[in-house]
């Protein structure tokens, strides 16, 4: 038997693997002083049909241990279809129990989204003549920060921004991007056509390429949590935010959605920026209108469960959505998707899945359409 994480977004440390029925593993921590960890992604090669009992020994020390409750790990034989396998959380250990149908199996916290897949997404988009692809700058490791602009030649158009994967382990966000971009570029979709007649889309499918490749949960190569530095990004340690923020200031923002995944809550929900200082009632009304339209467009989205609301005027302005709402006086929000399943519509085989992320991304065009004429 062989266990490896020596590939794009791989993360696991092998403690002991002599006995398939008692494999002992540990998750490697992110770079940085906070020591974030929860993302795992590894391959096990052995005999098909032989039971594997894999114990992640340090799961109880992870960043969000409650995220393991009612969680089931993802597995794949072909790296395209990811299904859920028996998983329990006991005494601070995550136990993955699986009898594979093939010799080689990949296991992950959620379906991975590799850099090659990202480059394929960018290549597909640029085949449309309405698309412009730019590199805003380089990451700490020297990777490209890609910006996809759709229909951006008219300076009078509304400016719609969508960014994803500030936290690299939240791969749901880039699957969401696939659905969002595919629908936006569908020449026969009437909603997409109308949105693009009035707005230009500015899309950053992956804000954190370095962390994605390194198998991090939340930080970039410098160990920085990008979603906590928007008030004062650094060209040295958080160039990803620095360059995106600079582009936003250059072209303007009328709408922004920052796409994430949440470890603990088994729901899709919006975290708004209602608590920024001097919030305008129109910003709150727009956020409520967007949520109502998204609930109507896709029942996988709900507004009953979410994060506790901050007190008025007490928003954390170092966070992306609050910073953008305060700086540009626009509708700005964070969309969260589960690592587990949608408790309101569970799927025993796949749980919350890449395909459902894509569907939710496509549905967000309907919600943008609903508020479009009131954004400015």
Protein backbone atom coordinates (compact mmCIF):
# COMPACT_ATOMS: atom_id res chain seq x y z
CA UNK A 1 0.00 0.00 0.00
CA UNK A 2 1.19 3.51 -0.84
CA UNK A 3 -0.08 6.91 0.40
CA UNK A 4 0.93 10.17 -1.24
CA UNK A 5 0.01 13.86 -1.21
CA UNK A 6 2.86 14.94 -3.48
CA UNK A 7 0.68 16.72 -6.03
CA UNK A 8 -1.29 19.93 -6.58
CA UNK A 9 -3.30 20.79 -3.41
CA UNK A 10 -2.10 17.63 -1.67
CA UNK A 11 -1.99 17.63 2.12
CA UNK A 12 -1.41 14.69 4.45
CA UNK A 13 1.34 13.34 6.67
CA UNK A 14 1.63 9.57 7.12
CA UNK A 15 2.23 8.41 10.68
CA UNK A 16 1.75 4.70 10.11
CA UNK A 17 0.43 2.70 7.14
CA UNK A 18 1.52 -0.91 7.52
CA UNK A 19 -2.00 -2.19 8.18
CA UNK A 20 -4.86 -1.06 5.87
CA UNK A 21 -7.25 -1.50 8.78
CA UNK A 22 -5.25 0.94 10.95
CA UNK A 23 -3.83 3.75 8.81
CA UNK A 24 -2.68 6.72 10.89
CA UNK A 25 -2.48 10.19 9.35
CA UNK A 26 -2.10 13.86 10.27
CA UNK A 27 -3.05 17.04 8.40
CA UNK A 28 -0.22 19.49 7.73
CA UNK A 29 -0.69 23.07 8.95
CA UNK A 30 -0.80 26.13 6.70
CA UNK A 31 2.09 28.54 6.58
CA UNK A 32 1.72 31.35 9.09
CA UNK A 33 1.52 32.00 12.84
CA UNK A 34 -2.16 31.02 13.14
CA UNK A 35 -1.46 27.40 12.21
CA UNK A 36 -4.71 26.93 10.27
CA UNK A 37 -5.47 23.42 9.09
CA UNK A 38 -8.42 21.32 8.02
CA UNK A 39 -7.95 20.72 4.30
CA UNK A 40 -6.70 17.26 3.33
CA UNK A 41 -6.19 15.65 -0.05
CA UNK A 42 -4.26 12.43 -0.62
CA UNK A 43 -4.10 9.24 -2.69
CA UNK A 44 -4.10 5.68 -1.40
CA UNK A 45 -3.00 2.86 -3.70
CA UNK A 46 -3.57 -0.72 -2.58
CA UNK A 47 -5.82 -3.62 -3.38
CA UNK A 48 -9.38 -3.02 -4.51
CA UNK A 49 -11.92 -4.55 -2.14
CA UNK A 50 -9.63 -4.32 0.88
CA UNK A 51 -11.06 -2.27 3.72
CA UNK A 52 -9.21 0.92 4.63
CA UNK A 53 -9.67 2.46 8.04
CA UNK A 54 -7.90 5.82 7.99
CA UNK A 55 -7.57 7.77 11.23
CA UNK A 56 -6.63 11.46 11.07
CA UNK A 57 -5.12 11.78 14.51
CA UNK A 58 -4.97 15.58 14.83
CA UNK A 59 -8.49 16.33 13.59
CA UNK A 60 -9.54 17.56 17.03
CA UNK A 61 -6.84 20.26 16.86
CA UNK A 62 -8.06 21.55 13.47
CA UNK A 63 -9.20 25.11 12.97
CA UNK A 64 -12.90 24.21 13.09
CA UNK A 65 -13.38 20.92 14.95
CA UNK A 66 -17.16 21.34 14.85
CA UNK A 67 -16.81 21.04 11.11
CA UNK A 68 -16.18 17.31 11.57
CA UNK A 69 -19.58 16.72 13.19
CA UNK A 70 -21.98 15.06 10.72
CA UNK A 71 -19.29 15.36 8.05
CA UNK A 72 -18.44 12.70 5.45
CA UNK A 73 -15.19 12.72 3.49
CA UNK A 74 -15.06 12.88 -0.31
CA UNK A 75 -13.51 10.13 -2.44
CA UNK A 76 -12.88 9.61 -6.14
CA UNK A 77 -11.39 7.04 -8.49
CA UNK A 78 -11.23 9.25 -11.58
CA UNK A 79 -10.67 12.69 -9.89
CA UNK A 80 -13.82 13.98 -11.59
CA UNK A 81 -16.70 12.30 -9.74
CA UNK A 82 -16.44 12.73 -5.98
CA UNK A 83 -18.72 10.73 -3.70
CA UNK A 84 -19.08 10.60 0.08
CA UNK A 85 -17.73 7.75 2.22
CA UNK A 86 -18.38 6.60 5.80
CA UNK A 87 -16.78 9.03 8.23
CA UNK A 88 -17.00 9.40 12.00
CA UNK A 89 -15.52 11.86 14.47
CA UNK A 90 -14.58 10.31 17.80
CA UNK A 91 -12.30 11.46 20.61
CA UNK A 92 -10.67 14.16 18.50
CA UNK A 93 -9.98 11.82 15.59
CA UNK A 94 -11.57 11.72 12.16
CA UNK A 95 -12.06 8.13 10.98
CA UNK A 96 -12.63 7.45 7.29
CA UNK A 97 -13.81 3.90 6.61
CA UNK A 98 -13.93 2.74 3.00
CA UNK A 99 -13.80 -0.41 0.89
CA UNK A 100 -12.57 0.82 -2.51
CA UNK A 101 -13.78 -0.54 -5.83
CA UNK A 102 -10.46 0.35 -7.51
CA UNK A 103 -6.82 0.02 -6.50
CA UNK A 104 -6.16 3.78 -6.45
CA UNK A 105 -8.46 6.20 -4.59
CA UNK A 106 -8.22 9.91 -3.85
CA UNK A 107 -9.64 11.30 -0.60
CA UNK A 108 -10.26 14.97 0.16
CA UNK A 109 -12.03 17.38 2.48
CA UNK A 110 -14.06 18.56 -0.52
CA UNK A 111 -13.64 17.91 -4.25
CA UNK A 112 -10.27 19.51 -5.16
CA UNK A 113 -9.93 22.21 -7.78
CA UNK A 114 -6.42 22.11 -9.22
CA UNK A 115 -4.42 24.75 -11.03
CA UNK A 116 -4.71 22.88 -14.35
CA UNK A 117 -8.48 23.02 -14.04
CA UNK A 118 -8.23 26.74 -13.30
CA UNK A 119 -6.17 27.29 -16.47
CA UNK A 120 -8.70 25.27 -18.47
CA UNK A 121 -11.46 27.53 -17.14
CA UNK A 122 -9.57 30.66 -18.19
CA UNK A 123 -8.88 29.16 -21.63
CA UNK A 124 -12.55 28.31 -22.16
CA UNK A 125 -13.61 31.81 -21.22
CA UNK A 126 -11.18 33.60 -23.53
CA UNK A 127 -12.54 31.76 -26.56
CA UNK A 128 -15.53 34.12 -26.33
CA UNK A 129 -14.82 37.43 -28.12
CA UNK A 130 -16.55 39.37 -25.32
CA UNK A 131 -13.89 38.22 -22.83
CA UNK A 132 -10.62 39.85 -21.93
CA UNK A 133 -8.11 38.01 -19.73
CA UNK A 134 -5.59 40.04 -17.72
CA UNK A 135 -2.95 39.22 -15.12
CA UNK A 136 -3.36 41.81 -12.37
CA UNK A 137 -0.05 40.90 -10.74
CA UNK A 138 1.86 38.02 -9.20
CA UNK A 139 1.39 36.11 -5.97
CA UNK A 140 4.07 35.64 -3.32
CA UNK A 141 5.24 32.49 -5.12
CA UNK A 142 5.12 34.23 -8.51
CA UNK A 143 1.89 32.74 -9.86
CA UNK A 144 -0.56 34.80 -11.91
CA UNK A 145 -3.60 36.59 -10.45
CA UNK A 146 -6.09 36.15 -13.31
CA UNK A 147 -8.92 38.58 -14.02
CA UNK A 148 -11.66 37.66 -16.50
CA UNK A 149 -13.59 40.70 -17.80
CA UNK A 150 -16.79 40.20 -19.81
CA UNK A 151 -18.28 43.07 -21.80
CA UNK A 152 -16.10 45.72 -20.23
CA UNK A 153 -15.56 48.17 -23.11
CA UNK A 154 -18.27 50.69 -22.10
CA UNK A 155 -17.16 52.79 -19.10
CA UNK A 156 -20.77 53.73 -18.34
CA UNK A 157 -21.85 50.16 -17.66
CA UNK A 158 -22.43 48.87 -14.14
CA UNK A 159 -19.40 47.12 -12.65
CA UNK A 160 -20.21 43.65 -11.29
CA UNK A 161 -17.41 41.91 -9.36
CA UNK A 162 -17.17 38.24 -8.32
CA UNK A 163 -14.12 36.81 -6.54
CA UNK A 164 -13.45 33.38 -5.06
CA UNK A 165 -11.02 31.29 -3.04
CA UNK A 166 -9.45 33.88 -0.81
CA UNK A 167 -9.36 30.81 1.43
CA UNK A 168 -7.84 28.21 -0.88
CA UNK A 169 -9.27 25.12 0.82
CA UNK A 170 -12.78 26.36 0.06
CA UNK A 171 -12.80 24.80 -3.39
CA UNK A 172 -16.60 25.03 -3.62
CA UNK A 173 -16.01 28.65 -4.64
CA UNK A 174 -14.23 27.87 -7.91
CA UNK A 175 -16.81 25.25 -8.87
CA UNK A 176 -19.35 28.05 -8.28
CA UNK A 177 -17.29 30.14 -10.70
CA UNK A 178 -17.63 27.48 -13.41
CA UNK A 179 -21.41 27.72 -13.24
CA UNK A 180 -21.45 31.50 -12.97
CA UNK A 181 -19.12 32.03 -15.93
CA UNK A 182 -20.71 29.35 -18.12
CA UNK A 183 -24.11 30.97 -17.79
CA UNK A 184 -22.78 34.49 -18.18
CA UNK A 185 -21.20 33.46 -21.49
CA UNK A 186 -24.19 31.49 -22.80
CA UNK A 187 -25.22 33.47 -25.91
CA UNK A 188 -28.74 32.03 -25.76
CA UNK A 189 -29.45 32.81 -22.10
CA UNK A 190 -31.83 35.80 -21.92
CA UNK A 191 -30.91 36.74 -18.35
CA UNK A 192 -27.18 36.73 -19.11
CA UNK A 193 -27.74 38.77 -22.27
CA UNK A 194 -29.71 41.42 -20.43
CA UNK A 195 -27.23 41.61 -17.55
CA UNK A 196 -24.34 42.05 -19.98
CA UNK A 197 -26.24 44.73 -21.89
CA UNK A 198 -26.15 46.87 -18.75
CA UNK A 199 -23.11 45.63 -16.83
CA UNK A 200 -19.53 44.50 -17.22
CA UNK A 201 -18.44 41.48 -15.19
CA UNK A 202 -15.06 41.46 -13.44
CA UNK A 203 -14.27 37.95 -12.21
CA UNK A 204 -11.30 36.65 -10.20
CA UNK A 205 -11.86 32.87 -10.12
CA UNK A 206 -8.98 32.20 -7.71
CA UNK A 207 -7.65 34.86 -5.34
CA UNK A 208 -5.12 32.51 -3.72
CA UNK A 209 -3.26 30.35 -6.25
CA UNK A 210 -0.31 29.71 -3.91
CA UNK A 211 -2.41 28.41 -1.04
CA UNK A 212 -4.44 26.33 -3.49
CA UNK A 213 -1.36 24.60 -4.86
CA UNK A 214 0.24 24.14 -1.42
CA UNK A 215 -2.84 22.48 0.07
CA UNK A 216 -3.61 25.25 2.56
CA UNK A 217 -6.96 25.83 4.20
CA UNK A 218 -6.92 29.62 4.68
CA UNK A 219 -3.58 31.31 3.98
CA UNK A 220 -1.32 32.27 1.09
CA UNK A 221 2.37 31.42 0.71
CA UNK A 222 3.32 34.12 3.24
CA UNK A 223 0.93 32.69 5.83
CA UNK A 224 -1.53 35.58 5.45
CA UNK A 225 -5.30 35.17 5.71
CA UNK A 226 -6.28 37.29 2.71
CA UNK A 227 -9.77 37.97 4.02
CA UNK A 228 -8.35 39.91 6.97
CA UNK A 229 -6.06 42.41 5.22
CA UNK A 230 -8.32 44.43 2.92
CA UNK A 231 -7.94 47.57 5.04
CA UNK A 232 -4.19 47.67 4.35
CA UNK A 233 -2.97 45.02 1.90
CA UNK A 234 0.77 44.58 1.45
CA UNK A 235 2.49 44.20 -1.91
CA UNK A 236 5.05 41.95 -0.17
CA UNK A 237 2.83 39.60 1.87
CA UNK A 238 -0.67 39.97 0.40
CA UNK A 239 -0.17 41.04 -3.24
CA UNK A 240 -3.32 39.12 -4.21
CA UNK A 241 -5.52 41.56 -2.30
CA UNK A 242 -3.34 44.55 -3.15
CA UNK A 243 -3.74 44.08 -6.90
CA UNK A 244 -7.46 43.22 -6.86
CA UNK A 245 -8.25 46.15 -4.56
CA UNK A 246 -6.27 48.49 -6.82
CA UNK A 247 -8.20 47.32 -9.89
CA UNK A 248 -11.49 47.79 -8.07
CA UNK A 249 -10.53 51.36 -7.19
CA UNK A 250 -9.51 51.96 -10.80
CA UNK A 251 -12.69 50.75 -12.53
CA UNK A 252 -15.26 51.05 -9.71
CA UNK A 253 -17.63 48.60 -8.04
CA UNK A 254 -21.45 48.58 -8.14
CA UNK A 255 -21.87 45.00 -6.89
CA UNK A 256 -19.48 42.51 -5.32
CA UNK A 257 -19.84 38.90 -4.25
CA UNK A 258 -17.00 37.10 -2.44
CA UNK A 259 -17.52 33.32 -2.61
CA UNK A 260 -16.48 31.00 0.24
CA UNK A 261 -17.13 27.67 1.96
CA UNK A 262 -18.08 27.19 5.60
CA UNK A 263 -16.82 24.26 7.67
CA UNK A 264 -19.57 24.15 10.28
CA UNK A 265 -22.95 25.19 8.91
CA UNK A 266 -24.73 22.76 6.55
CA UNK A 267 -26.42 25.53 4.56
CA UNK A 268 -25.87 28.03 1.75
CA UNK A 269 -26.21 31.59 3.04
CA UNK A 270 -25.18 35.21 2.63
CA UNK A 271 -23.12 37.20 5.12
CA UNK A 272 -23.97 40.82 4.40
CA UNK A 273 -22.14 44.04 5.15
CA UNK A 274 -25.03 45.73 6.96
CA UNK A 275 -22.86 46.64 9.97
CA UNK A 276 -20.43 48.96 8.19
CA UNK A 277 -20.27 52.53 9.56
CA UNK A 278 -22.74 54.85 7.81
CA UNK A 279 -24.42 52.01 5.95
CA UNK A 280 -27.08 53.24 3.55
CA UNK A 281 -30.57 51.75 3.76
CA UNK A 282 -30.39 51.10 0.02
CA UNK A 283 -27.45 48.74 0.61
CA UNK A 284 -29.51 46.74 3.10
CA UNK A 285 -32.57 46.75 0.83
CA UNK A 286 -30.47 45.58 -2.11
CA UNK A 287 -28.97 42.74 -0.09
CA UNK A 288 -32.43 41.62 1.04
CA UNK A 289 -33.69 41.82 -2.55
CA UNK A 290 -30.76 39.77 -3.81
CA UNK A 291 -31.37 37.07 -1.19
CA UNK A 292 -35.09 36.91 -1.95
CA UNK A 293 -34.39 36.51 -5.66
CA UNK A 294 -31.77 33.81 -5.05
CA UNK A 295 -34.13 31.86 -2.79
CA UNK A 296 -36.68 31.98 -5.58
CA UNK A 297 -34.18 30.96 -8.25
CA UNK A 298 -32.55 28.09 -6.34
CA UNK A 299 -34.07 26.30 -3.31
CA UNK A 300 -30.56 25.20 -2.25
CA UNK A 301 -30.14 28.76 -0.95
CA UNK A 302 -31.75 29.93 2.29
CA UNK A 303 -31.70 32.93 4.65
CA UNK A 304 -32.79 31.41 7.96
CA UNK A 305 -29.38 30.14 9.08
CA UNK A 306 -26.09 32.03 8.90
CA UNK A 307 -23.53 33.95 10.94
CA UNK A 308 -24.54 36.15 13.90
CA UNK A 309 -24.96 39.74 12.77
CA UNK A 310 -22.44 42.33 13.95
CA UNK A 311 -23.71 45.34 15.85
CA UNK A 312 -24.44 48.44 13.73
CA UNK A 313 -21.23 50.24 12.83
CA UNK A 314 -19.05 47.41 14.12
CA UNK A 315 -18.23 45.57 10.88
CA UNK A 316 -14.68 44.32 10.50
CA UNK A 317 -13.40 46.56 7.72
CA UNK A 318 -10.35 44.38 7.16
CA UNK A 319 -12.70 41.79 5.65
CA UNK A 320 -13.39 41.90 1.93
CA UNK A 321 -17.15 42.45 1.77
CA UNK A 322 -17.23 45.07 4.51
CA UNK A 323 -14.25 46.92 3.03
CA UNK A 324 -15.80 47.01 -0.44
CA UNK A 325 -19.24 48.06 0.87
CA UNK A 326 -17.70 50.90 2.89
CA UNK A 327 -15.26 52.04 0.19
CA UNK A 328 -17.59 51.91 -2.82
CA UNK A 329 -20.98 52.39 -1.11
CA UNK A 330 -22.31 49.42 -3.07
CA UNK A 331 -24.03 46.10 -2.53
CA UNK A 332 -21.27 43.80 -1.27
CA UNK A 333 -21.65 40.38 0.33
CA UNK A 334 -20.06 37.04 1.13
CA UNK A 335 -21.66 33.82 -0.12
CA UNK A 336 -20.98 30.72 1.99
CA UNK A 337 -21.46 27.09 0.89
CA UNK A 338 -21.12 23.96 3.06
CA UNK A 339 -18.36 21.38 3.19
CA UNK A 340 -20.92 18.93 4.54
CA UNK A 341 -24.29 18.74 2.84
CA UNK A 342 -27.26 21.04 2.49
CA UNK A 343 -29.32 19.98 5.52
CA UNK A 344 -32.47 21.27 3.80
CA UNK A 345 -31.96 19.00 0.77
CA UNK A 346 -29.46 16.23 1.62
CA UNK A 347 -27.88 13.96 -0.98
CA UNK A 348 -26.72 10.66 0.52
CA UNK A 349 -24.33 9.80 -2.30
CA UNK A 350 -22.66 13.13 -3.09
CA UNK A 351 -23.57 15.56 -0.28
CA UNK A 352 -23.02 19.18 -1.24
CA UNK A 353 -21.20 18.66 -4.51
CA UNK A 354 -19.32 20.47 -7.29
CA UNK A 355 -22.35 20.21 -9.55
CA UNK A 356 -24.59 21.87 -6.99
CA UNK A 357 -21.97 24.61 -6.57
CA UNK A 358 -22.11 25.20 -10.31
CA UNK A 359 -25.91 25.33 -10.25
CA UNK A 360 -25.83 27.89 -7.45
CA UNK A 361 -23.30 29.97 -9.37
CA UNK A 362 -25.57 29.99 -12.40
CA UNK A 363 -28.57 30.96 -10.24
CA UNK A 364 -26.75 34.02 -8.93
CA UNK A 365 -27.20 35.57 -12.39
CA UNK A 366 -30.95 35.54 -11.72
CA UNK A 367 -30.45 37.33 -8.40
CA UNK A 368 -28.16 39.94 -10.00
CA UNK A 369 -30.77 40.47 -12.71
CA UNK A 370 -33.41 41.09 -10.02
CA UNK A 371 -31.48 43.98 -8.43
CA UNK A 372 -29.59 45.22 -11.47
CA UNK A 373 -31.57 48.39 -12.14
CA UNK A 374 -31.27 49.54 -8.51
CA UNK A 375 -27.52 49.06 -8.07
CA UNK A 376 -26.56 52.63 -8.97
